[in-house]
Amino acid sequence: GLEHPADCLTALQTCDGAMVGRAAY
């Protein structure tokens, strides 16, 4: 569900890494 860079930055506030899948492809 990480669709945009902003989603990853939000996720990185609480987790050590953010992985994107279909949105990158």
PDBML (XML) file of the C-alpha atoms, coordinates in Angstrom:
<?xml version="1.0" encoding="UTF-8" ?>
<PDBx:datablock datablockName="MODEL"
   xmlns:PDBx="http://pdbml.pdb.org/schema/pdbx-v50.xsd"
   xmlns:xsi="http://www.w3.org/2001/XMLSchema-instance"
   xsi:schemaLocation="http://pdbml.pdb.org/schema/pdbx-v50.xsd pdbx-v50.xsd">
   <PDBx:atom_siteCategory>
      <PDBx:atom_site id="1">
         <PDBx:B_iso_or_equiv>0.00</PDBx:B_iso_or_equiv>
         <PDBx:Cartn_x>0.000</PDBx:Cartn_x>
         <PDBx:Cartn_y>0.000</PDBx:Cartn_y>
         <PDBx:Cartn_z>0.000</PDBx:Cartn_z>
         <PDBx:auth_asym_id>A</PDBx:auth_asym_id>
         <PDBx:auth_atom_id>CA</PDBx:auth_atom_id>
         <PDBx:auth_comp_id>GLY</PDBx:auth_comp_id>
         <PDBx:auth_seq_id>1</PDBx:auth_seq_id>
         <PDBx:group_PDB>ATOM</PDBx:group_PDB>
         <PDBx:label_alt_id xsi:nil="true" />
         <PDBx:label_asym_id>A</PDBx:label_asym_id>
         <PDBx:label_atom_id>CA</PDBx:label_atom_id>
         <PDBx:label_comp_id>GLY</PDBx:label_comp_id>
         <PDBx:label_entity_id>1</PDBx:label_entity_id>
         <PDBx:label_seq_id>1</PDBx:label_seq_id>
         <PDBx:occupancy>1.00</PDBx:occupancy>
         <PDBx:pdbx_PDB_model_num>1</PDBx:pdbx_PDB_model_num>
         <PDBx:type_symbol>C</PDBx:type_symbol>
      </PDBx:atom_site>
      <PDBx:atom_site id="2">
         <PDBx:B_iso_or_equiv>0.00</PDBx:B_iso_or_equiv>
         <PDBx:Cartn_x>2.937</PDBx:Cartn_x>
         <PDBx:Cartn_y>2.422</PDBx:Cartn_y>
         <PDBx:Cartn_z>-0.309</PDBx:Cartn_z>
         <PDBx:auth_asym_id>A</PDBx:auth_asym_id>
         <PDBx:auth_atom_id>CA</PDBx:auth_atom_id>
         <PDBx:auth_comp_id>LEU</PDBx:auth_comp_id>
         <PDBx:auth_seq_id>2</PDBx:auth_seq_id>
         <PDBx:group_PDB>ATOM</PDBx:group_PDB>
         <PDBx:label_alt_id xsi:nil="true" />
         <PDBx:label_asym_id>A</PDBx:label_asym_id>
         <PDBx:label_atom_id>CA</PDBx:label_atom_id>
         <PDBx:label_comp_id>LEU</PDBx:label_comp_id>
         <PDBx:label_entity_id>1</PDBx:label_entity_id>
         <PDBx:label_seq_id>2</PDBx:label_seq_id>
         <PDBx:occupancy>1.00</PDBx:occupancy>
         <PDBx:pdbx_PDB_model_num>1</PDBx:pdbx_PDB_model_num>
         <PDBx:type_symbol>C</PDBx:type_symbol>
      </PDBx:atom_site>
      <PDBx:atom_site id="3">
         <PDBx:B_iso_or_equiv>0.00</PDBx:B_iso_or_equiv>
         <PDBx:Cartn_x>1.924</PDBx:Cartn_x>
         <PDBx:Cartn_y>4.229</PDBx:Cartn_y>
         <PDBx:Cartn_z>-3.484</PDBx:Cartn_z>
         <PDBx:auth_asym_id>A</PDBx:auth_asym_id>
         <PDBx:auth_atom_id>CA</PDBx:auth_atom_id>
         <PDBx:auth_comp_id>GLU</PDBx:auth_comp_id>
         <PDBx:auth_seq_id>3</PDBx:auth_seq_id>
         <PDBx:group_PDB>ATOM</PDBx:group_PDB>
         <PDBx:label_alt_id xsi:nil="true" />
         <PDBx:label_asym_id>A</PDBx:label_asym_id>
         <PDBx:label_atom_id>CA</PDBx:label_atom_id>
         <PDBx:label_comp_id>GLU</PDBx:label_comp_id>
         <PDBx:label_entity_id>1</PDBx:label_entity_id>
         <PDBx:label_seq_id>3</PDBx:label_seq_id>
         <PDBx:occupancy>1.00</PDBx:occupancy>
         <PDBx:pdbx_PDB_model_num>1</PDBx:pdbx_PDB_model_num>
         <PDBx:type_symbol>C</PDBx:type_symbol>
      </PDBx:atom_site>
      <PDBx:atom_site id="4">
         <PDBx:B_iso_or_equiv>0.00</PDBx:B_iso_or_equiv>
         <PDBx:Cartn_x>3.939</PDBx:Cartn_x>
         <PDBx:Cartn_y>7.459</PDBx:Cartn_y>
         <PDBx:Cartn_z>-3.308</PDBx:Cartn_z>
         <PDBx:auth_asym_id>A</PDBx:auth_asym_id>
         <PDBx:auth_atom_id>CA</PDBx:auth_atom_id>
         <PDBx:auth_comp_id>HIS</PDBx:auth_comp_id>
         <PDBx:auth_seq_id>4</PDBx:auth_seq_id>
         <PDBx:group_PDB>ATOM</PDBx:group_PDB>
         <PDBx:label_alt_id xsi:nil="true" />
         <PDBx:label_asym_id>A</PDBx:label_asym_id>
         <PDBx:label_atom_id>CA</PDBx:label_atom_id>
         <PDBx:label_comp_id>HIS</PDBx:label_comp_id>
         <PDBx:label_entity_id>1</PDBx:label_entity_id>
         <PDBx:label_seq_id>4</PDBx:label_seq_id>
         <PDBx:occupancy>1.00</PDBx:occupancy>
         <PDBx:pdbx_PDB_model_num>1</PDBx:pdbx_PDB_model_num>
         <PDBx:type_symbol>C</PDBx:type_symbol>
      </PDBx:atom_site>
      <PDBx:atom_site id="5">
         <PDBx:B_iso_or_equiv>0.00</PDBx:B_iso_or_equiv>
         <PDBx:Cartn_x>7.225</PDBx:Cartn_x>
         <PDBx:Cartn_y>8.698</PDBx:Cartn_y>
         <PDBx:Cartn_z>-1.841</PDBx:Cartn_z>
         <PDBx:auth_asym_id>A</PDBx:auth_asym_id>
         <PDBx:auth_atom_id>CA</PDBx:auth_atom_id>
         <PDBx:auth_comp_id>PRO</PDBx:auth_comp_id>
         <PDBx:auth_seq_id>5</PDBx:auth_seq_id>
         <PDBx:group_PDB>ATOM</PDBx:group_PDB>
         <PDBx:label_alt_id xsi:nil="true" />
         <PDBx:label_asym_id>A</PDBx:label_asym_id>
         <PDBx:label_atom_id>CA</PDBx:label_atom_id>
         <PDBx:label_comp_id>PRO</PDBx:label_comp_id>
         <PDBx:label_entity_id>1</PDBx:label_entity_id>
         <PDBx:label_seq_id>5</PDBx:label_seq_id>
         <PDBx:occupancy>1.00</PDBx:occupancy>
         <PDBx:pdbx_PDB_model_num>1</PDBx:pdbx_PDB_model_num>
         <PDBx:type_symbol>C</PDBx:type_symbol>
      </PDBx:atom_site>
      <PDBx:atom_site id="6">
         <PDBx:B_iso_or_equiv>0.00</PDBx:B_iso_or_equiv>
         <PDBx:Cartn_x>5.271</PDBx:Cartn_x>
         <PDBx:Cartn_y>10.477</PDBx:Cartn_y>
         <PDBx:Cartn_z>0.898</PDBx:Cartn_z>
         <PDBx:auth_asym_id>A</PDBx:auth_asym_id>
         <PDBx:auth_atom_id>CA</PDBx:auth_atom_id>
         <PDBx:auth_comp_id>ALA</PDBx:auth_comp_id>
         <PDBx:auth_seq_id>6</PDBx:auth_seq_id>
         <PDBx:group_PDB>ATOM</PDBx:group_PDB>
         <PDBx:label_alt_id xsi:nil="true" />
         <PDBx:label_asym_id>A</PDBx:label_asym_id>
         <PDBx:label_atom_id>CA</PDBx:label_atom_id>
         <PDBx:label_comp_id>ALA</PDBx:label_comp_id>
         <PDBx:label_entity_id>1</PDBx:label_entity_id>
         <PDBx:label_seq_id>6</PDBx:label_seq_id>
         <PDBx:occupancy>1.00</PDBx:occupancy>
         <PDBx:pdbx_PDB_model_num>1</PDBx:pdbx_PDB_model_num>
         <PDBx:type_symbol>C</PDBx:type_symbol>
      </PDBx:atom_site>
      <PDBx:atom_site id="7">
         <PDBx:B_iso_or_equiv>0.00</PDBx:B_iso_or_equiv>
         <PDBx:Cartn_x>3.814</PDBx:Cartn_x>
         <PDBx:Cartn_y>7.126</PDBx:Cartn_y>
         <PDBx:Cartn_z>1.979</PDBx:Cartn_z>
         <PDBx:auth_asym_id>A</PDBx:auth_asym_id>
         <PDBx:auth_atom_id>CA</PDBx:auth_atom_id>
         <PDBx:auth_comp_id>ASP</PDBx:auth_comp_id>
         <PDBx:auth_seq_id>7</PDBx:auth_seq_id>
         <PDBx:group_PDB>ATOM</PDBx:group_PDB>
         <PDBx:label_alt_id xsi:nil="true" />
         <PDBx:label_asym_id>A</PDBx:label_asym_id>
         <PDBx:label_atom_id>CA</PDBx:label_atom_id>
         <PDBx:label_comp_id>ASP</PDBx:label_comp_id>
         <PDBx:label_entity_id>1</PDBx:label_entity_id>
         <PDBx:label_seq_id>7</PDBx:label_seq_id>
         <PDBx:occupancy>1.00</PDBx:occupancy>
         <PDBx:pdbx_PDB_model_num>1</PDBx:pdbx_PDB_model_num>
         <PDBx:type_symbol>C</PDBx:type_symbol>
      </PDBx:atom_site>
      <PDBx:atom_site id="8">
         <PDBx:B_iso_or_equiv>0.00</PDBx:B_iso_or_equiv>
         <PDBx:Cartn_x>7.316</PDBx:Cartn_x>
         <PDBx:Cartn_y>5.742</PDBx:Cartn_y>
         <PDBx:Cartn_z>2.389</PDBx:Cartn_z>
         <PDBx:auth_asym_id>A</PDBx:auth_asym_id>
         <PDBx:auth_atom_id>CA</PDBx:auth_atom_id>
         <PDBx:auth_comp_id>CYS</PDBx:auth_comp_id>
         <PDBx:auth_seq_id>8</PDBx:auth_seq_id>
         <PDBx:group_PDB>ATOM</PDBx:group_PDB>
         <PDBx:label_alt_id xsi:nil="true" />
         <PDBx:label_asym_id>A</PDBx:label_asym_id>
         <PDBx:label_atom_id>CA</PDBx:label_atom_id>
         <PDBx:label_comp_id>CYS</PDBx:label_comp_id>
         <PDBx:label_entity_id>1</PDBx:label_entity_id>
         <PDBx:label_seq_id>8</PDBx:label_seq_id>
         <PDBx:occupancy>1.00</PDBx:occupancy>
         <PDBx:pdbx_PDB_model_num>1</PDBx:pdbx_PDB_model_num>
         <PDBx:type_symbol>C</PDBx:type_symbol>
      </PDBx:atom_site>
      <PDBx:atom_site id="9">
         <PDBx:B_iso_or_equiv>0.00</PDBx:B_iso_or_equiv>
         <PDBx:Cartn_x>8.459</PDBx:Cartn_x>
         <PDBx:Cartn_y>8.716</PDBx:Cartn_y>
         <PDBx:Cartn_z>4.435</PDBx:Cartn_z>
         <PDBx:auth_asym_id>A</PDBx:auth_asym_id>
         <PDBx:auth_atom_id>CA</PDBx:auth_atom_id>
         <PDBx:auth_comp_id>LEU</PDBx:auth_comp_id>
         <PDBx:auth_seq_id>9</PDBx:auth_seq_id>
         <PDBx:group_PDB>ATOM</PDBx:group_PDB>
         <PDBx:label_alt_id xsi:nil="true" />
         <PDBx:label_asym_id>A</PDBx:label_asym_id>
         <PDBx:label_atom_id>CA</PDBx:label_atom_id>
         <PDBx:label_comp_id>LEU</PDBx:label_comp_id>
         <PDBx:label_entity_id>1</PDBx:label_entity_id>
         <PDBx:label_seq_id>9</PDBx:label_seq_id>
         <PDBx:occupancy>1.00</PDBx:occupancy>
         <PDBx:pdbx_PDB_model_num>1</PDBx:pdbx_PDB_model_num>
         <PDBx:type_symbol>C</PDBx:type_symbol>
      </PDBx:atom_site>
      <PDBx:atom_site id="10">
         <PDBx:B_iso_or_equiv>0.00</PDBx:B_iso_or_equiv>
         <PDBx:Cartn_x>5.476</PDBx:Cartn_x>
         <PDBx:Cartn_y>8.258</PDBx:Cartn_y>
         <PDBx:Cartn_z>6.730</PDBx:Cartn_z>
         <PDBx:auth_asym_id>A</PDBx:auth_asym_id>
         <PDBx:auth_atom_id>CA</PDBx:auth_atom_id>
         <PDBx:auth_comp_id>THR</PDBx:auth_comp_id>
         <PDBx:auth_seq_id>10</PDBx:auth_seq_id>
         <PDBx:group_PDB>ATOM</PDBx:group_PDB>
         <PDBx:label_alt_id xsi:nil="true" />
         <PDBx:label_asym_id>A</PDBx:label_asym_id>
         <PDBx:label_atom_id>CA</PDBx:label_atom_id>
         <PDBx:label_comp_id>THR</PDBx:label_comp_id>
         <PDBx:label_entity_id>1</PDBx:label_entity_id>
         <PDBx:label_seq_id>10</PDBx:label_seq_id>
         <PDBx:occupancy>1.00</PDBx:occupancy>
         <PDBx:pdbx_PDB_model_num>1</PDBx:pdbx_PDB_model_num>
         <PDBx:type_symbol>C</PDBx:type_symbol>
      </PDBx:atom_site>
      <PDBx:atom_site id="11">
         <PDBx:B_iso_or_equiv>0.00</PDBx:B_iso_or_equiv>
         <PDBx:Cartn_x>6.248</PDBx:Cartn_x>
         <PDBx:Cartn_y>4.545</PDBx:Cartn_y>
         <PDBx:Cartn_z>7.077</PDBx:Cartn_z>
         <PDBx:auth_asym_id>A</PDBx:auth_asym_id>
         <PDBx:auth_atom_id>CA</PDBx:auth_atom_id>
         <PDBx:auth_comp_id>ALA</PDBx:auth_comp_id>
         <PDBx:auth_seq_id>11</PDBx:auth_seq_id>
         <PDBx:group_PDB>ATOM</PDBx:group_PDB>
         <PDBx:label_alt_id xsi:nil="true" />
         <PDBx:label_asym_id>A</PDBx:label_asym_id>
         <PDBx:label_atom_id>CA</PDBx:label_atom_id>
         <PDBx:label_comp_id>ALA</PDBx:label_comp_id>
         <PDBx:label_entity_id>1</PDBx:label_entity_id>
         <PDBx:label_seq_id>11</PDBx:label_seq_id>
         <PDBx:occupancy>1.00</PDBx:occupancy>
         <PDBx:pdbx_PDB_model_num>1</PDBx:pdbx_PDB_model_num>
         <PDBx:type_symbol>C</PDBx:type_symbol>
      </PDBx:atom_site>
      <PDBx:atom_site id="12">
         <PDBx:B_iso_or_equiv>0.00</PDBx:B_iso_or_equiv>
         <PDBx:Cartn_x>9.881</PDBx:Cartn_x>
         <PDBx:Cartn_y>5.299</PDBx:Cartn_y>
         <PDBx:Cartn_z>7.875</PDBx:Cartn_z>
         <PDBx:auth_asym_id>A</PDBx:auth_asym_id>
         <PDBx:auth_atom_id>CA</PDBx:auth_atom_id>
         <PDBx:auth_comp_id>LEU</PDBx:auth_comp_id>
         <PDBx:auth_seq_id>12</PDBx:auth_seq_id>
         <PDBx:group_PDB>ATOM</PDBx:group_PDB>
         <PDBx:label_alt_id xsi:nil="true" />
         <PDBx:label_asym_id>A</PDBx:label_asym_id>
         <PDBx:label_atom_id>CA</PDBx:label_atom_id>
         <PDBx:label_comp_id>LEU</PDBx:label_comp_id>
         <PDBx:label_entity_id>1</PDBx:label_entity_id>
         <PDBx:label_seq_id>12</PDBx:label_seq_id>
         <PDBx:occupancy>1.00</PDBx:occupancy>
         <PDBx:pdbx_PDB_model_num>1</PDBx:pdbx_PDB_model_num>
         <PDBx:type_symbol>C</PDBx:type_symbol>
      </PDBx:atom_site>
      <PDBx:atom_site id="13">
         <PDBx:B_iso_or_equiv>0.00</PDBx:B_iso_or_equiv>
         <PDBx:Cartn_x>8.831</PDBx:Cartn_x>
         <PDBx:Cartn_y>7.272</PDBx:Cartn_y>
         <PDBx:Cartn_z>10.917</PDBx:Cartn_z>
         <PDBx:auth_asym_id>A</PDBx:auth_asym_id>
         <PDBx:auth_atom_id>CA</PDBx:auth_atom_id>
         <PDBx:auth_comp_id>GLN</PDBx:auth_comp_id>
         <PDBx:auth_seq_id>13</PDBx:auth_seq_id>
         <PDBx:group_PDB>ATOM</PDBx:group_PDB>
         <PDBx:label_alt_id xsi:nil="true" />
         <PDBx:label_asym_id>A</PDBx:label_asym_id>
         <PDBx:label_atom_id>CA</PDBx:label_atom_id>
         <PDBx:label_comp_id>GLN</PDBx:label_comp_id>
         <PDBx:label_entity_id>1</PDBx:label_entity_id>
         <PDBx:label_seq_id>13</PDBx:label_seq_id>
         <PDBx:occupancy>1.00</PDBx:occupancy>
         <PDBx:pdbx_PDB_model_num>1</PDBx:pdbx_PDB_model_num>
         <PDBx:type_symbol>C</PDBx:type_symbol>
      </PDBx:atom_site>
      <PDBx:atom_site id="14">
         <PDBx:B_iso_or_equiv>0.00</PDBx:B_iso_or_equiv>
         <PDBx:Cartn_x>7.971</PDBx:Cartn_x>
         <PDBx:Cartn_y>3.995</PDBx:Cartn_y>
         <PDBx:Cartn_z>12.638</PDBx:Cartn_z>
         <PDBx:auth_asym_id>A</PDBx:auth_asym_id>
         <PDBx:auth_atom_id>CA</PDBx:auth_atom_id>
         <PDBx:auth_comp_id>THR</PDBx:auth_comp_id>
         <PDBx:auth_seq_id>14</PDBx:auth_seq_id>
         <PDBx:group_PDB>ATOM</PDBx:group_PDB>
         <PDBx:label_alt_id xsi:nil="true" />
         <PDBx:label_asym_id>A</PDBx:label_asym_id>
         <PDBx:label_atom_id>CA</PDBx:label_atom_id>
         <PDBx:label_comp_id>THR</PDBx:label_comp_id>
         <PDBx:label_entity_id>1</PDBx:label_entity_id>
         <PDBx:label_seq_id>14</PDBx:label_seq_id>
         <PDBx:occupancy>1.00</PDBx:occupancy>
         <PDBx:pdbx_PDB_model_num>1</PDBx:pdbx_PDB_model_num>
         <PDBx:type_symbol>C</PDBx:type_symbol>
      </PDBx:atom_site>
      <PDBx:atom_site id="15">
         <PDBx:B_iso_or_equiv>0.00</PDBx:B_iso_or_equiv>
         <PDBx:Cartn_x>9.707</PDBx:Cartn_x>
         <PDBx:Cartn_y>1.227</PDBx:Cartn_y>
         <PDBx:Cartn_z>10.644</PDBx:Cartn_z>
         <PDBx:auth_asym_id>A</PDBx:auth_asym_id>
         <PDBx:auth_atom_id>CA</PDBx:auth_atom_id>
         <PDBx:auth_comp_id>CYS</PDBx:auth_comp_id>
         <PDBx:auth_seq_id>15</PDBx:auth_seq_id>
         <PDBx:group_PDB>ATOM</PDBx:group_PDB>
         <PDBx:label_alt_id xsi:nil="true" />
         <PDBx:label_asym_id>A</PDBx:label_asym_id>
         <PDBx:label_atom_id>CA</PDBx:label_atom_id>
         <PDBx:label_comp_id>CYS</PDBx:label_comp_id>
         <PDBx:label_entity_id>1</PDBx:label_entity_id>
         <PDBx:label_seq_id>15</PDBx:label_seq_id>
         <PDBx:occupancy>1.00</PDBx:occupancy>
         <PDBx:pdbx_PDB_model_num>1</PDBx:pdbx_PDB_model_num>
         <PDBx:type_symbol>C</PDBx:type_symbol>
      </PDBx:atom_site>
      <PDBx:atom_site id="16">
         <PDBx:B_iso_or_equiv>0.00</PDBx:B_iso_or_equiv>
         <PDBx:Cartn_x>13.276</PDBx:Cartn_x>
         <PDBx:Cartn_y>0.688</PDBx:Cartn_y>
         <PDBx:Cartn_z>9.525</PDBx:Cartn_z>
         <PDBx:auth_asym_id>A</PDBx:auth_asym_id>
         <PDBx:auth_atom_id>CA</PDBx:auth_atom_id>
         <PDBx:auth_comp_id>ASP</PDBx:auth_comp_id>
         <PDBx:auth_seq_id>16</PDBx:auth_seq_id>
         <PDBx:group_PDB>ATOM</PDBx:group_PDB>
         <PDBx:label_alt_id xsi:nil="true" />
         <PDBx:label_asym_id>A</PDBx:label_asym_id>
         <PDBx:label_atom_id>CA</PDBx:label_atom_id>
         <PDBx:label_comp_id>ASP</PDBx:label_comp_id>
         <PDBx:label_entity_id>1</PDBx:label_entity_id>
         <PDBx:label_seq_id>16</PDBx:label_seq_id>
         <PDBx:occupancy>1.00</PDBx:occupancy>
         <PDBx:pdbx_PDB_model_num>1</PDBx:pdbx_PDB_model_num>
         <PDBx:type_symbol>C</PDBx:type_symbol>
      </PDBx:atom_site>
      <PDBx:atom_site id="17">
         <PDBx:B_iso_or_equiv>0.00</PDBx:B_iso_or_equiv>
         <PDBx:Cartn_x>12.545</PDBx:Cartn_x>
         <PDBx:Cartn_y>0.259</PDBx:Cartn_y>
         <PDBx:Cartn_z>5.832</PDBx:Cartn_z>
         <PDBx:auth_asym_id>A</PDBx:auth_asym_id>
         <PDBx:auth_atom_id>CA</PDBx:auth_atom_id>
         <PDBx:auth_comp_id>GLY</PDBx:auth_comp_id>
         <PDBx:auth_seq_id>17</PDBx:auth_seq_id>
         <PDBx:group_PDB>ATOM</PDBx:group_PDB>
         <PDBx:label_alt_id xsi:nil="true" />
         <PDBx:label_asym_id>A</PDBx:label_asym_id>
         <PDBx:label_atom_id>CA</PDBx:label_atom_id>
         <PDBx:label_comp_id>GLY</PDBx:label_comp_id>
         <PDBx:label_entity_id>1</PDBx:label_entity_id>
         <PDBx:label_seq_id>17</PDBx:label_seq_id>
         <PDBx:occupancy>1.00</PDBx:occupancy>
         <PDBx:pdbx_PDB_model_num>1</PDBx:pdbx_PDB_model_num>
         <PDBx:type_symbol>C</PDBx:type_symbol>
      </PDBx:atom_site>
      <PDBx:atom_site id="18">
         <PDBx:B_iso_or_equiv>0.00</PDBx:B_iso_or_equiv>
         <PDBx:Cartn_x>9.886</PDBx:Cartn_x>
         <PDBx:Cartn_y>0.837</PDBx:Cartn_y>
         <PDBx:Cartn_z>3.200</PDBx:Cartn_z>
         <PDBx:auth_asym_id>A</PDBx:auth_asym_id>
         <PDBx:auth_atom_id>CA</PDBx:auth_atom_id>
         <PDBx:auth_comp_id>ALA</PDBx:auth_comp_id>
         <PDBx:auth_seq_id>18</PDBx:auth_seq_id>
         <PDBx:group_PDB>ATOM</PDBx:group_PDB>
         <PDBx:label_alt_id xsi:nil="true" />
         <PDBx:label_asym_id>A</PDBx:label_asym_id>
         <PDBx:label_atom_id>CA</PDBx:label_atom_id>
         <PDBx:label_comp_id>ALA</PDBx:label_comp_id>
         <PDBx:label_entity_id>1</PDBx:label_entity_id>
         <PDBx:label_seq_id>18</PDBx:label_seq_id>
         <PDBx:occupancy>1.00</PDBx:occupancy>
         <PDBx:pdbx_PDB_model_num>1</PDBx:pdbx_PDB_model_num>
         <PDBx:type_symbol>C</PDBx:type_symbol>
      </PDBx:atom_site>
      <PDBx:atom_site id="19">
         <PDBx:B_iso_or_equiv>0.00</PDBx:B_iso_or_equiv>
         <PDBx:Cartn_x>9.332</PDBx:Cartn_x>
         <PDBx:Cartn_y>-1.528</PDBx:Cartn_y>
         <PDBx:Cartn_z>0.270</PDBx:Cartn_z>
         <PDBx:auth_asym_id>A</PDBx:auth_asym_id>
         <PDBx:auth_atom_id>CA</PDBx:auth_atom_id>
         <PDBx:auth_comp_id>MET</PDBx:auth_comp_id>
         <PDBx:auth_seq_id>19</PDBx:auth_seq_id>
         <PDBx:group_PDB>ATOM</PDBx:group_PDB>
         <PDBx:label_alt_id xsi:nil="true" />
         <PDBx:label_asym_id>A</PDBx:label_asym_id>
         <PDBx:label_atom_id>CA</PDBx:label_atom_id>
         <PDBx:label_comp_id>MET</PDBx:label_comp_id>
         <PDBx:label_entity_id>1</PDBx:label_entity_id>
         <PDBx:label_seq_id>19</PDBx:label_seq_id>
         <PDBx:occupancy>1.00</PDBx:occupancy>
         <PDBx:pdbx_PDB_model_num>1</PDBx:pdbx_PDB_model_num>
         <PDBx:type_symbol>C</PDBx:type_symbol>
      </PDBx:atom_site>
      <PDBx:atom_site id="20">
         <PDBx:B_iso_or_equiv>0.00</PDBx:B_iso_or_equiv>
         <PDBx:Cartn_x>7.277</PDBx:Cartn_x>
         <PDBx:Cartn_y>-0.651</PDBx:Cartn_y>
         <PDBx:Cartn_z>-2.802</PDBx:Cartn_z>
         <PDBx:auth_asym_id>A</PDBx:auth_asym_id>
         <PDBx:auth_atom_id>CA</PDBx:auth_atom_id>
         <PDBx:auth_comp_id>VAL</PDBx:auth_comp_id>
         <PDBx:auth_seq_id>20</PDBx:auth_seq_id>
         <PDBx:group_PDB>ATOM</PDBx:group_PDB>
         <PDBx:label_alt_id xsi:nil="true" />
         <PDBx:label_asym_id>A</PDBx:label_asym_id>
         <PDBx:label_atom_id>CA</PDBx:label_atom_id>
         <PDBx:label_comp_id>VAL</PDBx:label_comp_id>
         <PDBx:label_entity_id>1</PDBx:label_entity_id>
         <PDBx:label_seq_id>20</PDBx:label_seq_id>
         <PDBx:occupancy>1.00</PDBx:occupancy>
         <PDBx:pdbx_PDB_model_num>1</PDBx:pdbx_PDB_model_num>
         <PDBx:type_symbol>C</PDBx:type_symbol>
      </PDBx:atom_site>
      <PDBx:atom_site id="21">
         <PDBx:B_iso_or_equiv>0.00</PDBx:B_iso_or_equiv>
         <PDBx:Cartn_x>6.023</PDBx:Cartn_x>
         <PDBx:Cartn_y>-3.166</PDBx:Cartn_y>
         <PDBx:Cartn_z>-5.341</PDBx:Cartn_z>
         <PDBx:auth_asym_id>A</PDBx:auth_asym_id>
         <PDBx:auth_atom_id>CA</PDBx:auth_atom_id>
         <PDBx:auth_comp_id>GLY</PDBx:auth_comp_id>
         <PDBx:auth_seq_id>21</PDBx:auth_seq_id>
         <PDBx:group_PDB>ATOM</PDBx:group_PDB>
         <PDBx:label_alt_id xsi:nil="true" />
         <PDBx:label_asym_id>A</PDBx:label_asym_id>
         <PDBx:label_atom_id>CA</PDBx:label_atom_id>
         <PDBx:label_comp_id>GLY</PDBx:label_comp_id>
         <PDBx:label_entity_id>1</PDBx:label_entity_id>
         <PDBx:label_seq_id>21</PDBx:label_seq_id>
         <PDBx:occupancy>1.00</PDBx:occupancy>
         <PDBx:pdbx_PDB_model_num>1</PDBx:pdbx_PDB_model_num>
         <PDBx:type_symbol>C</PDBx:type_symbol>
      </PDBx:atom_site>
      <PDBx:atom_site id="22">
         <PDBx:B_iso_or_equiv>0.00</PDBx:B_iso_or_equiv>
         <PDBx:Cartn_x>3.434</PDBx:Cartn_x>
         <PDBx:Cartn_y>-2.659</PDBx:Cartn_y>
         <PDBx:Cartn_z>-8.076</PDBx:Cartn_z>
         <PDBx:auth_asym_id>A</PDBx:auth_asym_id>
         <PDBx:auth_atom_id>CA</PDBx:auth_atom_id>
         <PDBx:auth_comp_id>ARG</PDBx:auth_comp_id>
         <PDBx:auth_seq_id>22</PDBx:auth_seq_id>
         <PDBx:group_PDB>ATOM</PDBx:group_PDB>
         <PDBx:label_alt_id xsi:nil="true" />
         <PDBx:label_asym_id>A</PDBx:label_asym_id>
         <PDBx:label_atom_id>CA</PDBx:label_atom_id>
         <PDBx:label_comp_id>ARG</PDBx:label_comp_id>
         <PDBx:label_entity_id>1</PDBx:label_entity_id>
         <PDBx:label_seq_id>22</PDBx:label_seq_id>
         <PDBx:occupancy>1.00</PDBx:occupancy>
         <PDBx:pdbx_PDB_model_num>1</PDBx:pdbx_PDB_model_num>
         <PDBx:type_symbol>C</PDBx:type_symbol>
      </PDBx:atom_site>
      <PDBx:atom_site id="23">
         <PDBx:B_iso_or_equiv>0.00</PDBx:B_iso_or_equiv>
         <PDBx:Cartn_x>3.607</PDBx:Cartn_x>
         <PDBx:Cartn_y>1.124</PDBx:Cartn_y>
         <PDBx:Cartn_z>-7.748</PDBx:Cartn_z>
         <PDBx:auth_asym_id>A</PDBx:auth_asym_id>
         <PDBx:auth_atom_id>CA</PDBx:auth_atom_id>
         <PDBx:auth_comp_id>ALA</PDBx:auth_comp_id>
         <PDBx:auth_seq_id>23</PDBx:auth_seq_id>
         <PDBx:group_PDB>ATOM</PDBx:group_PDB>
         <PDBx:label_alt_id xsi:nil="true" />
         <PDBx:label_asym_id>A</PDBx:label_asym_id>
         <PDBx:label_atom_id>CA</PDBx:label_atom_id>
         <PDBx:label_comp_id>ALA</PDBx:label_comp_id>
         <PDBx:label_entity_id>1</PDBx:label_entity_id>
         <PDBx:label_seq_id>23</PDBx:label_seq_id>
         <PDBx:occupancy>1.00</PDBx:occupancy>
         <PDBx:pdbx_PDB_model_num>1</PDBx:pdbx_PDB_model_num>
         <PDBx:type_symbol>C</PDBx:type_symbol>
      </PDBx:atom_site>
      <PDBx:atom_site id="24">
         <PDBx:B_iso_or_equiv>0.00</PDBx:B_iso_or_equiv>
         <PDBx:Cartn_x>7.285</PDBx:Cartn_x>
         <PDBx:Cartn_y>0.986</PDBx:Cartn_y>
         <PDBx:Cartn_z>-8.718</PDBx:Cartn_z>
         <PDBx:auth_asym_id>A</PDBx:auth_asym_id>
         <PDBx:auth_atom_id>CA</PDBx:auth_atom_id>
         <PDBx:auth_comp_id>ALA</PDBx:auth_comp_id>
         <PDBx:auth_seq_id>24</PDBx:auth_seq_id>
         <PDBx:group_PDB>ATOM</PDBx:group_PDB>
         <PDBx:label_alt_id xsi:nil="true" />
         <PDBx:label_asym_id>A</PDBx:label_asym_id>
         <PDBx:label_atom_id>CA</PDBx:label_atom_id>
         <PDBx:label_comp_id>ALA</PDBx:label_comp_id>
         <PDBx:label_entity_id>1</PDBx:label_entity_id>
         <PDBx:label_seq_id>24</PDBx:label_seq_id>
         <PDBx:occupancy>1.00</PDBx:occupancy>
         <PDBx:pdbx_PDB_model_num>1</PDBx:pdbx_PDB_model_num>
         <PDBx:type_symbol>C</PDBx:type_symbol>
      </PDBx:atom_site>
      <PDBx:atom_site id="25">
         <PDBx:B_iso_or_equiv>0.00</PDBx:B_iso_or_equiv>
         <PDBx:Cartn_x>6.579</PDBx:Cartn_x>
         <PDBx:Cartn_y>-1.203</PDBx:Cartn_y>
         <PDBx:Cartn_z>-11.728</PDBx:Cartn_z>
         <PDBx:auth_asym_id>A</PDBx:auth_asym_id>
         <PDBx:auth_atom_id>CA</PDBx:auth_atom_id>
         <PDBx:auth_comp_id>TYR</PDBx:auth_comp_id>
         <PDBx:auth_seq_id>25</PDBx:auth_seq_id>
         <PDBx:group_PDB>ATOM</PDBx:group_PDB>
         <PDBx:label_alt_id xsi:nil="true" />
         <PDBx:label_asym_id>A</PDBx:label_asym_id>
         <PDBx:label_atom_id>CA</PDBx:label_atom_id>
         <PDBx:label_comp_id>TYR</PDBx:label_comp_id>
         <PDBx:label_entity_id>1</PDBx:label_entity_id>
         <PDBx:label_seq_id>25</PDBx:label_seq_id>
         <PDBx:occupancy>1.00</PDBx:occupancy>
         <PDBx:pdbx_PDB_model_num>1</PDBx:pdbx_PDB_model_num>
         <PDBx:type_symbol>C</PDBx:type_symbol>
      </PDBx:atom_site>
   </PDBx:atom_siteCategory>
</PDBx:datablock>
